[in-house]
Amino acid sequence: MRFFKRFNRGELRLGRIEAFSDGVFAVAATLLVLDLKIDHLNDVHSVREAWQTLAGQFPKFISWLISFVIIGKFWLNHHHILGLARHANYGMVWLNLIFLMFQSLVPFPTAFMGAYPENPVAVSLFGVVMAFNTLIFITLHAYILRHLLKPELAGTQDPHIIRKSFVGVAAYLTGVAAAWIHVDLAFVIYGLTPLFFIVPPPAPGAKTVATED
């Protein structure tokens, strides 16, 4: 128990954590596009061969698109939950590092799924990685709410937000199961899942303020 109490220590600045996190998100998002490569054309003047080559890249393009949106959603919500914290302690830093570690892994299952879009192992692995990423993010969010929430935000957070967040985990795992039935169905589920929490949820009773340009 004394070992775990160490993680409650420290009052670290959030600025450096946010900067490092943004860097990891940026690198992960950039690495996704490296798998989009044009195959060699036997006849450089053949329009038909060029279209066939582009068509062959379609699964990789869809995989890239889905993953980029997912990383973007994670980045936006990550920015939101770090803004809830009054400071960081060692526990939050290590949870954040574990989350970022698995964010940096996202290009691997993305490339695997894009290269073998008809293989249920490749398609289901993508969902497993995304579900695990979501679980770690939920853990980080719950830790901040329980231990580091700004005093002025007490009572403003949805008391059911953590429970609601598990819809993402359930959706990705549904995609994993669907991959063994029909891989196209899994792609659809993966594409729709980021729509949950595509923007951070508003606090209970919060009102949208209209602005004029």
N, C-alpha and C. Protein backbone atom coordinates (compact mmCIF):
# COMPACT_ATOMS: atom_id res chain seq x y z
N MET A 1 0.82 -1.21 0.00
CA MET A 1 0.00 0.00 0.00
C MET A 1 0.86 1.26 0.00
N ARG A 2 2.00 1.19 0.72
CA ARG A 2 2.89 2.35 0.76
C ARG A 2 3.41 2.67 -0.64
N PHE A 3 3.60 1.61 -1.44
CA PHE A 3 4.08 1.83 -2.80
C PHE A 3 3.08 2.65 -3.61
N PHE A 4 1.79 2.30 -3.52
CA PHE A 4 0.77 2.99 -4.30
C PHE A 4 0.52 4.41 -3.80
N LYS A 5 0.77 4.64 -2.49
CA LYS A 5 0.59 5.98 -1.96
C LYS A 5 1.55 6.98 -2.58
N ARG A 6 2.67 6.48 -3.09
CA ARG A 6 3.64 7.37 -3.72
C ARG A 6 3.05 8.09 -4.93
N PHE A 7 2.12 7.44 -5.58
CA PHE A 7 1.56 8.02 -6.80
C PHE A 7 0.62 9.18 -6.52
N ASN A 8 0.20 9.34 -5.28
CA ASN A 8 -0.65 10.47 -4.92
C ASN A 8 0.16 11.73 -4.62
N ARG A 9 1.47 11.62 -4.67
CA ARG A 9 2.32 12.75 -4.37
C ARG A 9 2.58 13.59 -5.61
N GLY A 10 3.14 14.77 -5.37
CA GLY A 10 3.55 15.64 -6.46
C GLY A 10 2.47 16.61 -6.89
N GLU A 11 2.90 17.80 -7.21
CA GLU A 11 2.02 18.81 -7.80
C GLU A 11 2.71 19.32 -9.05
N LEU A 12 2.58 18.55 -10.12
CA LEU A 12 3.31 18.81 -11.36
C LEU A 12 2.51 19.74 -12.26
N ARG A 13 3.24 20.51 -13.03
CA ARG A 13 2.60 21.45 -13.94
C ARG A 13 1.94 20.71 -15.11
N LEU A 14 0.74 21.14 -15.44
CA LEU A 14 -0.01 20.50 -16.52
C LEU A 14 0.52 20.89 -17.89
N GLY A 15 1.18 22.04 -17.99
CA GLY A 15 1.63 22.53 -19.29
C GLY A 15 2.57 21.57 -20.00
N ARG A 16 3.55 21.03 -19.26
CA ARG A 16 4.49 20.11 -19.87
C ARG A 16 3.81 18.80 -20.27
N ILE A 17 2.86 18.36 -19.44
CA ILE A 17 2.14 17.12 -19.74
C ILE A 17 1.31 17.29 -21.01
N GLU A 18 0.65 18.43 -21.13
CA GLU A 18 -0.15 18.70 -22.33
C GLU A 18 0.73 18.79 -23.56
N ALA A 19 1.89 19.44 -23.45
CA ALA A 19 2.79 19.59 -24.59
C ALA A 19 3.31 18.24 -25.05
N PHE A 20 3.72 17.40 -24.09
CA PHE A 20 4.21 16.07 -24.45
C PHE A 20 3.11 15.23 -25.08
N SER A 21 1.91 15.32 -24.50
CA SER A 21 0.77 14.55 -25.02
C SER A 21 0.44 14.98 -26.44
N ASP A 22 0.42 16.28 -26.68
CA ASP A 22 0.12 16.78 -28.02
C ASP A 22 1.15 16.27 -29.03
N GLY A 23 2.41 16.17 -28.60
CA GLY A 23 3.44 15.66 -29.49
C GLY A 23 3.21 14.21 -29.87
N VAL A 24 2.82 13.40 -28.89
CA VAL A 24 2.55 11.98 -29.16
C VAL A 24 1.34 11.84 -30.08
N PHE A 25 0.28 12.60 -29.82
CA PHE A 25 -0.89 12.56 -30.70
C PHE A 25 -0.51 12.94 -32.13
N ALA A 26 0.31 13.98 -32.26
CA ALA A 26 0.70 14.45 -33.60
C ALA A 26 1.52 13.40 -34.34
N VAL A 27 2.45 12.76 -33.64
CA VAL A 27 3.28 11.73 -34.28
C VAL A 27 2.43 10.54 -34.68
N ALA A 28 1.55 10.10 -33.77
CA ALA A 28 0.69 8.94 -34.08
C ALA A 28 -0.19 9.22 -35.29
N ALA A 29 -0.76 10.42 -35.37
CA ALA A 29 -1.61 10.77 -36.50
C ALA A 29 -0.81 10.85 -37.79
N THR A 30 0.43 11.33 -37.70
CA THR A 30 1.28 11.44 -38.89
C THR A 30 1.71 10.07 -39.39
N LEU A 31 2.04 9.17 -38.46
CA LEU A 31 2.49 7.83 -38.86
C LEU A 31 1.41 7.06 -39.62
N LEU A 32 0.16 7.39 -39.37
CA LEU A 32 -0.93 6.68 -40.05
C LEU A 32 -0.83 6.79 -41.56
N VAL A 33 -0.41 7.95 -42.05
CA VAL A 33 -0.43 8.20 -43.49
C VAL A 33 0.73 7.51 -44.20
N LEU A 34 1.74 7.07 -43.45
CA LEU A 34 2.91 6.45 -44.08
C LEU A 34 2.58 5.13 -44.75
N ASP A 35 1.46 4.53 -44.36
CA ASP A 35 1.08 3.26 -44.97
C ASP A 35 0.39 3.45 -46.32
N LEU A 36 0.04 4.69 -46.66
CA LEU A 36 -0.60 4.96 -47.95
C LEU A 36 0.49 5.15 -49.00
N LYS A 37 0.79 4.08 -49.71
CA LYS A 37 1.86 4.10 -50.71
C LYS A 37 1.31 3.69 -52.07
N ILE A 38 1.83 4.30 -53.10
CA ILE A 38 1.41 3.98 -54.47
C ILE A 38 2.26 2.85 -55.01
N ASP A 39 1.60 1.78 -55.45
CA ASP A 39 2.32 0.66 -56.05
C ASP A 39 2.92 1.05 -57.40
N HIS A 40 3.96 0.32 -57.78
CA HIS A 40 4.62 0.59 -59.07
C HIS A 40 3.69 0.25 -60.23
N LEU A 41 3.62 1.14 -61.21
CA LEU A 41 2.83 0.91 -62.41
C LEU A 41 3.70 0.28 -63.48
N ASN A 42 3.25 -0.84 -64.02
CA ASN A 42 4.00 -1.47 -65.11
C ASN A 42 3.97 -0.60 -66.37
N ASP A 43 2.83 0.03 -66.59
CA ASP A 43 2.68 0.95 -67.72
C ASP A 43 2.33 2.31 -67.14
N VAL A 44 3.29 3.20 -67.13
CA VAL A 44 3.11 4.50 -66.49
C VAL A 44 2.05 5.35 -67.19
N HIS A 45 1.65 4.99 -68.39
CA HIS A 45 0.66 5.74 -69.15
C HIS A 45 -0.73 5.11 -69.10
N SER A 46 -0.85 3.97 -68.43
CA SER A 46 -2.12 3.24 -68.41
C SER A 46 -3.07 3.86 -67.38
N VAL A 47 -4.18 4.39 -67.89
CA VAL A 47 -5.20 4.95 -67.00
C VAL A 47 -5.87 3.83 -66.22
N ARG A 48 -6.14 2.72 -66.88
CA ARG A 48 -6.81 1.61 -66.23
C ARG A 48 -5.98 1.06 -65.08
N GLU A 49 -4.68 0.89 -65.29
CA GLU A 49 -3.81 0.37 -64.24
C GLU A 49 -3.71 1.35 -63.08
N ALA A 50 -3.72 2.64 -63.41
CA ALA A 50 -3.66 3.66 -62.35
C ALA A 50 -4.91 3.60 -61.46
N TRP A 51 -6.08 3.45 -62.11
CA TRP A 51 -7.32 3.35 -61.33
C TRP A 51 -7.33 2.07 -60.50
N GLN A 52 -6.83 0.97 -61.05
CA GLN A 52 -6.77 -0.29 -60.31
C GLN A 52 -5.86 -0.17 -59.09
N THR A 53 -4.76 0.55 -59.26
CA THR A 53 -3.83 0.76 -58.14
C THR A 53 -4.48 1.58 -57.04
N LEU A 54 -5.20 2.63 -57.44
CA LEU A 54 -5.90 3.46 -56.45
C LEU A 54 -6.98 2.67 -55.74
N ALA A 55 -7.70 1.85 -56.50
CA ALA A 55 -8.76 1.03 -55.90
C ALA A 55 -8.18 0.05 -54.88
N GLY A 56 -6.99 -0.45 -55.17
CA GLY A 56 -6.34 -1.36 -54.23
C GLY A 56 -5.94 -0.70 -52.93
N GLN A 57 -5.82 0.64 -52.95
CA GLN A 57 -5.46 1.38 -51.76
C GLN A 57 -6.68 1.76 -50.91
N PHE A 58 -7.88 1.47 -51.42
CA PHE A 58 -9.10 1.92 -50.74
C PHE A 58 -9.21 1.40 -49.30
N PRO A 59 -8.96 0.10 -49.04
CA PRO A 59 -9.04 -0.36 -47.65
C PRO A 59 -8.05 0.37 -46.73
N LYS A 60 -6.86 0.66 -47.23
CA LYS A 60 -5.88 1.39 -46.43
C LYS A 60 -6.35 2.82 -46.17
N PHE A 61 -6.98 3.41 -47.18
CA PHE A 61 -7.49 4.77 -47.01
C PHE A 61 -8.59 4.81 -45.96
N ILE A 62 -9.50 3.84 -46.00
CA ILE A 62 -10.59 3.79 -45.02
C ILE A 62 -10.02 3.56 -43.62
N SER A 63 -9.04 2.67 -43.50
CA SER A 63 -8.41 2.42 -42.20
C SER A 63 -7.75 3.68 -41.67
N TRP A 64 -7.05 4.40 -42.55
CA TRP A 64 -6.42 5.67 -42.16
C TRP A 64 -7.46 6.68 -41.70
N LEU A 65 -8.55 6.79 -42.43
CA LEU A 65 -9.58 7.77 -42.11
C LEU A 65 -10.21 7.48 -40.75
N ILE A 66 -10.56 6.22 -40.51
CA ILE A 66 -11.17 5.84 -39.24
C ILE A 66 -10.22 6.14 -38.07
N SER A 67 -8.96 5.73 -38.22
CA SER A 67 -8.00 5.92 -37.14
C SER A 67 -7.70 7.40 -36.90
N PHE A 68 -7.64 8.19 -37.96
CA PHE A 68 -7.35 9.61 -37.79
C PHE A 68 -8.48 10.29 -37.01
N VAL A 69 -9.71 9.94 -37.33
CA VAL A 69 -10.86 10.51 -36.61
C VAL A 69 -10.84 10.07 -35.15
N ILE A 70 -10.50 8.80 -34.91
CA ILE A 70 -10.45 8.29 -33.54
C ILE A 70 -9.37 9.01 -32.73
N ILE A 71 -8.19 9.17 -33.32
CA ILE A 71 -7.12 9.89 -32.62
C ILE A 71 -7.53 11.34 -32.37
N GLY A 72 -8.17 11.96 -33.35
CA GLY A 72 -8.64 13.33 -33.16
C GLY A 72 -9.65 13.43 -32.04
N LYS A 73 -10.54 12.44 -31.94
CA LYS A 73 -11.54 12.43 -30.86
C LYS A 73 -10.87 12.27 -29.51
N PHE A 74 -9.90 11.36 -29.45
CA PHE A 74 -9.17 11.17 -28.20
C PHE A 74 -8.43 12.45 -27.80
N TRP A 75 -7.80 13.09 -28.77
CA TRP A 75 -7.04 14.32 -28.48
C TRP A 75 -7.96 15.40 -27.91
N LEU A 76 -9.12 15.58 -28.52
CA LEU A 76 -10.05 16.62 -28.07
C LEU A 76 -10.56 16.33 -26.66
N ASN A 77 -10.94 15.09 -26.39
CA ASN A 77 -11.44 14.74 -25.07
C ASN A 77 -10.32 14.72 -24.02
N HIS A 78 -9.12 14.37 -24.46
CA HIS A 78 -7.96 14.41 -23.56
C HIS A 78 -7.69 15.85 -23.12
N HIS A 79 -7.78 16.78 -24.06
CA HIS A 79 -7.62 18.20 -23.73
C HIS A 79 -8.68 18.63 -22.71
N HIS A 80 -9.88 18.11 -22.88
CA HIS A 80 -10.98 18.46 -21.97
C HIS A 80 -10.73 17.95 -20.56
N ILE A 81 -10.35 16.69 -20.41
CA ILE A 81 -10.22 16.13 -19.06
C ILE A 81 -8.99 16.68 -18.34
N LEU A 82 -7.93 17.00 -19.07
CA LEU A 82 -6.78 17.62 -18.41
C LEU A 82 -7.14 19.01 -17.90
N GLY A 83 -8.08 19.66 -18.58
CA GLY A 83 -8.53 20.96 -18.13
C GLY A 83 -9.34 20.90 -16.85
N LEU A 84 -9.78 19.71 -16.46
CA LEU A 84 -10.54 19.55 -15.21
C LEU A 84 -9.62 19.47 -14.00
N ALA A 85 -8.34 19.17 -14.23
CA ALA A 85 -7.42 18.94 -13.12
C ALA A 85 -6.81 20.24 -12.61
N ARG A 86 -6.66 20.32 -11.29
CA ARG A 86 -6.04 21.51 -10.70
C ARG A 86 -4.52 21.45 -10.83
N HIS A 87 -3.98 20.24 -10.87
CA HIS A 87 -2.56 20.00 -11.13
C HIS A 87 -2.42 18.51 -11.43
N ALA A 88 -1.22 18.07 -11.64
CA ALA A 88 -0.97 16.65 -11.90
C ALA A 88 -0.18 16.05 -10.75
N ASN A 89 -0.44 14.79 -10.47
CA ASN A 89 0.42 14.06 -9.54
C ASN A 89 1.04 12.88 -10.29
N TYR A 90 1.86 12.09 -9.59
CA TYR A 90 2.58 11.01 -10.28
C TYR A 90 1.63 9.95 -10.82
N GLY A 91 0.53 9.71 -10.11
CA GLY A 91 -0.44 8.74 -10.59
C GLY A 91 -1.05 9.15 -11.91
N MET A 92 -1.44 10.41 -12.01
CA MET A 92 -2.01 10.91 -13.26
C MET A 92 -1.00 10.86 -14.38
N VAL A 93 0.25 11.23 -14.08
CA VAL A 93 1.29 11.24 -15.12
C VAL A 93 1.50 9.84 -15.68
N TRP A 94 1.56 8.83 -14.81
CA TRP A 94 1.80 7.48 -15.30
C TRP A 94 0.58 6.91 -16.03
N LEU A 95 -0.61 7.22 -15.57
CA LEU A 95 -1.79 6.81 -16.33
C LEU A 95 -1.80 7.47 -17.70
N ASN A 96 -1.42 8.73 -17.76
CA ASN A 96 -1.36 9.44 -19.03
C ASN A 96 -0.31 8.84 -19.95
N LEU A 97 0.84 8.47 -19.38
CA LEU A 97 1.90 7.86 -20.19
C LEU A 97 1.46 6.51 -20.76
N ILE A 98 0.77 5.72 -19.95
CA ILE A 98 0.27 4.42 -20.44
C ILE A 98 -0.74 4.64 -21.56
N PHE A 99 -1.62 5.62 -21.38
CA PHE A 99 -2.59 5.94 -22.43
C PHE A 99 -1.87 6.36 -23.72
N LEU A 100 -0.87 7.22 -23.60
CA LEU A 100 -0.14 7.69 -24.78
C LEU A 100 0.66 6.55 -25.43
N MET A 101 1.15 5.63 -24.62
CA MET A 101 1.88 4.49 -25.15
C MET A 101 1.02 3.70 -26.13
N PHE A 102 -0.24 3.49 -25.73
CA PHE A 102 -1.14 2.73 -26.60
C PHE A 102 -1.71 3.58 -27.73
N GLN A 103 -1.71 4.91 -27.56
CA GLN A 103 -2.05 5.76 -28.70
C GLN A 103 -0.98 5.66 -29.77
N SER A 104 0.27 5.58 -29.36
CA SER A 104 1.36 5.46 -30.33
C SER A 104 1.34 4.11 -31.04
N LEU A 105 0.61 3.14 -30.48
CA LEU A 105 0.49 1.82 -31.11
C LEU A 105 -0.57 1.79 -32.20
N VAL A 106 -1.46 2.77 -32.23
CA VAL A 106 -2.59 2.77 -33.17
C VAL A 106 -2.17 2.57 -34.64
N PRO A 107 -1.06 3.18 -35.11
CA PRO A 107 -0.69 2.95 -36.52
C PRO A 107 -0.47 1.48 -36.88
N PHE A 108 -0.06 0.65 -35.90
CA PHE A 108 0.20 -0.76 -36.22
C PHE A 108 -1.07 -1.52 -36.59
N PRO A 109 -2.11 -1.56 -35.73
CA PRO A 109 -3.33 -2.26 -36.14
C PRO A 109 -4.02 -1.61 -37.33
N THR A 110 -3.81 -0.29 -37.49
CA THR A 110 -4.39 0.39 -38.65
C THR A 110 -3.77 -0.14 -39.94
N ALA A 111 -2.43 -0.25 -39.95
CA ALA A 111 -1.74 -0.76 -41.13
C ALA A 111 -2.09 -2.23 -41.38
N PHE A 112 -2.20 -3.01 -40.31
CA PHE A 112 -2.52 -4.43 -40.43
C PHE A 112 -3.91 -4.61 -41.02
N MET A 113 -4.87 -3.84 -40.53
CA MET A 113 -6.23 -3.92 -41.04
C MET A 113 -6.31 -3.43 -42.48
N GLY A 114 -5.57 -2.36 -42.80
CA GLY A 114 -5.59 -1.84 -44.16
C GLY A 114 -4.95 -2.78 -45.16
N ALA A 115 -3.92 -3.51 -44.72
CA ALA A 115 -3.24 -4.44 -45.62
C ALA A 115 -4.03 -5.73 -45.83
N TYR A 116 -4.78 -6.14 -44.80
CA TYR A 116 -5.53 -7.40 -44.87
C TYR A 116 -6.98 -7.17 -44.43
N PRO A 117 -7.73 -6.39 -45.20
CA PRO A 117 -9.08 -6.01 -44.81
C PRO A 117 -10.09 -7.16 -44.82
N GLU A 118 -9.74 -8.28 -45.41
CA GLU A 118 -10.64 -9.42 -45.45
C GLU A 118 -10.31 -10.45 -44.38
N ASN A 119 -9.26 -10.18 -43.60
CA ASN A 119 -8.84 -11.13 -42.58
C ASN A 119 -9.45 -10.74 -41.23
N PRO A 120 -10.26 -11.61 -40.63
CA PRO A 120 -10.91 -11.25 -39.36
C PRO A 120 -9.92 -11.03 -38.22
N VAL A 121 -8.76 -11.67 -38.26
CA VAL A 121 -7.76 -11.45 -37.22
C VAL A 121 -7.28 -10.00 -37.27
N ALA A 122 -6.94 -9.53 -38.47
CA ALA A 122 -6.45 -8.16 -38.63
C ALA A 122 -7.52 -7.14 -38.25
N VAL A 123 -8.75 -7.38 -38.70
CA VAL A 123 -9.84 -6.42 -38.44
C VAL A 123 -10.24 -6.43 -36.97
N SER A 124 -10.25 -7.59 -36.34
CA SER A 124 -10.64 -7.66 -34.93
C SER A 124 -9.55 -7.10 -34.03
N LEU A 125 -8.27 -7.24 -34.41
CA LEU A 125 -7.18 -6.68 -33.61
C LEU A 125 -7.33 -5.17 -33.47
N PHE A 126 -7.76 -4.52 -34.54
CA PHE A 126 -7.98 -3.08 -34.50
C PHE A 126 -8.97 -2.72 -33.40
N GLY A 127 -10.07 -3.45 -33.33
CA GLY A 127 -11.08 -3.17 -32.32
C GLY A 127 -10.59 -3.43 -30.92
N VAL A 128 -9.78 -4.47 -30.74
CA VAL A 128 -9.23 -4.78 -29.42
C VAL A 128 -8.34 -3.65 -28.94
N VAL A 129 -7.47 -3.15 -29.81
CA VAL A 129 -6.56 -2.06 -29.44
C VAL A 129 -7.36 -0.80 -29.10
N MET A 130 -8.38 -0.49 -29.89
CA MET A 130 -9.17 0.71 -29.64
C MET A 130 -9.99 0.59 -28.35
N ALA A 131 -10.50 -0.61 -28.08
CA ALA A 131 -11.24 -0.82 -26.84
C ALA A 131 -10.32 -0.64 -25.64
N PHE A 132 -9.10 -1.15 -25.74
CA PHE A 132 -8.15 -1.02 -24.64
C PHE A 132 -7.74 0.43 -24.45
N ASN A 133 -7.53 1.15 -25.55
CA ASN A 133 -7.24 2.58 -25.47
C ASN A 133 -8.35 3.32 -24.74
N THR A 134 -9.58 2.98 -25.07
CA THR A 134 -10.73 3.63 -24.45
C THR A 134 -10.80 3.33 -22.96
N LEU A 135 -10.50 2.10 -22.57
CA LEU A 135 -10.51 1.72 -21.16
C LEU A 135 -9.47 2.53 -20.37
N ILE A 136 -8.29 2.69 -20.94
CA ILE A 136 -7.25 3.45 -20.25
C ILE A 136 -7.66 4.92 -20.14
N PHE A 137 -8.28 5.44 -21.21
CA PHE A 137 -8.73 6.83 -21.16
C PHE A 137 -9.79 7.02 -20.09
N ILE A 138 -10.72 6.07 -19.97
CA ILE A 138 -11.75 6.13 -18.94
C ILE A 138 -11.10 6.12 -17.55
N THR A 139 -10.08 5.28 -17.37
CA THR A 139 -9.38 5.21 -16.09
C THR A 139 -8.73 6.54 -15.75
N LEU A 140 -8.09 7.16 -16.75
CA LEU A 140 -7.47 8.46 -16.55
C LEU A 140 -8.51 9.51 -16.18
N HIS A 141 -9.63 9.51 -16.88
CA HIS A 141 -10.71 10.46 -16.61
C HIS A 141 -11.24 10.27 -15.19
N ALA A 142 -11.49 9.02 -14.81
CA ALA A 142 -12.03 8.73 -13.48
C ALA A 142 -11.04 9.15 -12.39
N TYR A 143 -9.76 8.95 -12.64
CA TYR A 143 -8.73 9.33 -11.65
C TYR A 143 -8.73 10.83 -11.43
N ILE A 144 -8.82 11.58 -12.52
CA ILE A 144 -8.84 13.04 -12.39
C ILE A 144 -10.08 13.50 -11.63
N LEU A 145 -11.23 12.93 -11.96
CA LEU A 145 -12.47 13.32 -11.27
C LEU A 145 -12.42 13.00 -9.78
N ARG A 146 -11.78 11.91 -9.44
CA ARG A 146 -11.78 11.46 -8.04
C ARG A 146 -10.71 12.17 -7.20
N HIS A 147 -9.55 12.43 -7.81
CA HIS A 147 -8.43 12.91 -7.01
C HIS A 147 -7.96 14.33 -7.33
N LEU A 148 -8.23 14.84 -8.52
CA LEU A 148 -7.57 16.08 -8.95
C LEU A 148 -8.52 17.13 -9.49
N LEU A 149 -9.81 16.94 -9.34
CA LEU A 149 -10.78 17.87 -9.89
C LEU A 149 -10.63 19.25 -9.23
N LYS A 150 -10.67 20.29 -10.05
CA LYS A 150 -10.60 21.65 -9.53
C LYS A 150 -11.77 21.88 -8.57
N PRO A 151 -11.52 22.52 -7.43
CA PRO A 151 -12.60 22.73 -6.45
C PRO A 151 -13.80 23.47 -7.03
N GLU A 152 -13.54 24.43 -7.92
CA GLU A 152 -14.65 25.21 -8.47
C GLU A 152 -15.52 24.40 -9.44
N LEU A 153 -15.03 23.21 -9.83
CA LEU A 153 -15.81 22.37 -10.74
C LEU A 153 -16.58 21.28 -10.00
N ALA A 154 -16.43 21.24 -8.69
CA ALA A 154 -17.15 20.22 -7.91
C ALA A 154 -18.66 20.38 -8.08
N GLY A 155 -19.32 19.30 -8.40
CA GLY A 155 -20.76 19.32 -8.60
C GLY A 155 -21.21 19.71 -10.00
N THR A 156 -20.24 20.03 -10.88
CA THR A 156 -20.61 20.43 -12.24
C THR A 156 -20.49 19.29 -13.24
N GLN A 157 -19.89 18.18 -12.82
CA GLN A 157 -19.66 17.08 -13.75
C GLN A 157 -20.81 16.08 -13.71
N ASP A 158 -21.09 15.50 -14.86
CA ASP A 158 -22.13 14.48 -14.96
C ASP A 158 -21.72 13.28 -14.09
N PRO A 159 -22.50 12.94 -13.07
CA PRO A 159 -22.11 11.83 -12.18
C PRO A 159 -22.10 10.47 -12.88
N HIS A 160 -22.69 10.42 -14.06
CA HIS A 160 -22.76 9.15 -14.80
C HIS A 160 -21.81 9.12 -16.00
N ILE A 161 -20.92 10.11 -16.11
CA ILE A 161 -20.11 10.23 -17.31
C ILE A 161 -19.19 9.04 -17.52
N ILE A 162 -18.62 8.50 -16.44
CA ILE A 162 -17.73 7.36 -16.58
C ILE A 162 -18.49 6.14 -17.08
N ARG A 163 -19.66 5.92 -16.51
CA ARG A 163 -20.48 4.79 -16.94
C ARG A 163 -20.89 4.94 -18.40
N LYS A 164 -21.24 6.15 -18.80
CA LYS A 164 -21.63 6.39 -20.19
C LYS A 164 -20.46 6.16 -21.14
N SER A 165 -19.25 6.41 -20.67
CA SER A 165 -18.08 6.28 -21.53
C SER A 165 -17.84 4.85 -21.99
N PHE A 166 -18.39 3.88 -21.25
CA PHE A 166 -18.17 2.48 -21.62
C PHE A 166 -18.92 2.11 -22.90
N VAL A 167 -19.76 2.99 -23.42
CA VAL A 167 -20.42 2.71 -24.69
C VAL A 167 -19.38 2.56 -25.80
N GLY A 168 -18.28 3.32 -25.69
CA GLY A 168 -17.22 3.20 -26.68
C GLY A 168 -16.55 1.84 -26.63
N VAL A 169 -16.26 1.37 -25.42
CA VAL A 169 -15.65 0.05 -25.26
C VAL A 169 -16.57 -1.02 -25.84
N ALA A 170 -17.85 -0.93 -25.50
CA ALA A 170 -18.82 -1.91 -25.98
C ALA A 170 -18.92 -1.89 -27.51
N ALA A 171 -18.87 -0.69 -28.09
CA ALA A 171 -18.98 -0.58 -29.55
C ALA A 171 -17.77 -1.20 -30.24
N TYR A 172 -16.57 -0.92 -29.73
CA TYR A 172 -15.38 -1.52 -30.34
C TYR A 172 -15.38 -3.04 -30.21
N LEU A 173 -15.79 -3.55 -29.06
CA LEU A 173 -15.85 -4.99 -28.88
C LEU A 173 -16.93 -5.62 -29.75
N THR A 174 -18.00 -4.87 -30.01
CA THR A 174 -19.01 -5.34 -30.97
C THR A 174 -18.39 -5.45 -32.36
N GLY A 175 -17.55 -4.48 -32.71
CA GLY A 175 -16.83 -4.54 -33.98
C GLY A 175 -15.91 -5.74 -34.05
N VAL A 176 -15.27 -6.07 -32.94
CA VAL A 176 -14.40 -7.25 -32.88
C VAL A 176 -15.20 -8.51 -33.20
N ALA A 177 -16.36 -8.64 -32.56
CA ALA A 177 -17.21 -9.81 -32.82
C ALA A 177 -17.72 -9.81 -34.26
N ALA A 178 -18.09 -8.63 -34.76
CA ALA A 178 -18.62 -8.53 -36.11
C ALA A 178 -17.58 -8.91 -37.16
N ALA A 179 -16.31 -8.70 -36.86
CA ALA A 179 -15.25 -9.05 -37.82
C ALA A 179 -15.25 -10.53 -38.16
N TRP A 180 -15.72 -11.34 -37.23
CA TRP A 180 -15.74 -12.79 -37.47
C TRP A 180 -17.03 -13.23 -38.16
N ILE A 181 -17.94 -12.28 -38.33
CA ILE A 181 -19.17 -12.55 -39.08
C ILE A 181 -19.07 -11.98 -40.49
N HIS A 182 -18.73 -10.69 -40.56
CA HIS A 182 -18.53 -10.03 -41.85
C HIS A 182 -17.65 -8.80 -41.61
N VAL A 183 -16.48 -8.79 -42.24
CA VAL A 183 -15.52 -7.72 -41.96
C VAL A 183 -16.06 -6.34 -42.33
N ASP A 184 -16.90 -6.26 -43.37
CA ASP A 184 -17.44 -4.96 -43.75
C ASP A 184 -18.29 -4.36 -42.63
N LEU A 185 -19.01 -5.21 -41.91
CA LEU A 185 -19.82 -4.74 -40.80
C LEU A 185 -18.93 -4.17 -39.70
N ALA A 186 -17.79 -4.80 -39.48
CA ALA A 186 -16.85 -4.29 -38.48
C ALA A 186 -16.33 -2.92 -38.87
N PHE A 187 -16.02 -2.72 -40.15
CA PHE A 187 -15.55 -1.42 -40.62
C PHE A 187 -16.61 -0.34 -40.35
N VAL A 188 -17.86 -0.68 -40.60
CA VAL A 188 -18.94 0.28 -40.37
C VAL A 188 -19.03 0.64 -38.89
N ILE A 189 -18.96 -0.36 -38.03
CA ILE A 189 -19.04 -0.12 -36.59
C ILE A 189 -17.87 0.75 -36.13
N TYR A 190 -16.67 0.43 -36.59
CA TYR A 190 -15.50 1.23 -36.22
C TYR A 190 -15.63 2.67 -36.70
N GLY A 191 -16.24 2.84 -37.87
CA GLY A 191 -16.41 4.19 -38.40
C GLY A 191 -17.43 5.01 -37.64
N LEU A 192 -18.44 4.34 -37.09
CA LEU A 192 -19.50 5.05 -36.37
C LEU A 192 -19.16 5.29 -34.90
N THR A 193 -18.32 4.45 -34.33
CA THR A 193 -18.03 4.55 -32.89
C THR A 193 -17.47 5.90 -32.46
N PRO A 194 -16.57 6.53 -33.24
CA PRO A 194 -16.06 7.84 -32.80
C PRO A 194 -17.13 8.92 -32.66
N LEU A 195 -18.31 8.69 -33.24
CA LEU A 195 -19.38 9.68 -33.11
C LEU A 195 -19.84 9.83 -31.67
N PHE A 196 -19.61 8.77 -30.85
CA PHE A 196 -19.86 8.91 -29.43
C PHE A 196 -18.76 9.78 -28.83
N PHE A 197 -19.14 10.83 -28.15
CA PHE A 197 -18.18 11.76 -27.56
C PHE A 197 -17.25 12.35 -28.62
N ILE A 198 -17.81 12.67 -29.80
CA ILE A 198 -17.01 13.33 -30.84
C ILE A 198 -16.58 14.71 -30.36
N VAL A 199 -17.36 15.26 -29.42
CA VAL A 199 -16.96 16.45 -28.67
C VAL A 199 -17.20 16.14 -27.20
N PRO A 200 -16.45 16.77 -26.29
CA PRO A 200 -16.63 16.49 -24.86
C PRO A 200 -18.07 16.80 -24.43
N PRO A 201 -18.63 15.99 -23.55
CA PRO A 201 -20.01 16.22 -23.09
C PRO A 201 -20.09 17.48 -22.25
N PRO A 202 -21.17 18.25 -22.36
CA PRO A 202 -21.33 19.45 -21.54
C PRO A 202 -21.63 19.09 -20.10
N ALA A 203 -21.31 19.98 -19.21
CA ALA A 203 -21.64 19.77 -17.80
C ALA A 203 -23.15 19.86 -17.63
N PRO A 204 -23.72 19.15 -16.66
CA PRO A 204 -25.17 19.23 -16.43
C PRO A 204 -25.60 20.67 -16.18
N GLY A 205 -26.64 21.08 -16.87
CA GLY A 205 -27.15 22.43 -16.69
C GLY A 205 -26.41 23.49 -17.45
N ALA A 206 -25.36 23.09 -18.21
CA ALA A 206 -24.59 24.09 -18.96
C ALA A 206 -25.41 24.60 -20.11
N LYS A 207 -25.28 25.88 -20.41
CA LYS A 207 -26.02 26.49 -21.50
C LYS A 207 -25.05 26.92 -22.59
N THR A 208 -25.48 26.72 -23.83
CA THR A 208 -24.67 27.12 -24.96
C THR A 208 -24.85 28.62 -25.19
N VAL A 209 -23.75 29.33 -25.26
CA VAL A 209 -23.79 30.77 -25.45
C VAL A 209 -23.59 31.08 -26.93
N ALA A 210 -24.55 31.75 -27.52
CA ALA A 210 -24.45 32.11 -28.93
C ALA A 210 -23.48 33.26 -29.09
N THR A 211 -22.67 33.21 -30.14
CA THR A 211 -21.73 34.28 -30.43
C THR A 211 -21.94 34.79 -31.84
N GLU A 212 -21.57 36.00 -32.05
CA GLU A 212 -21.69 36.61 -33.38
C GLU A 212 -20.31 36.89 -33.92
N ASP A 213 -20.14 36.65 -35.20
CA ASP A 213 -18.85 36.93 -35.84
C ASP A 213 -18.71 38.43 -36.06
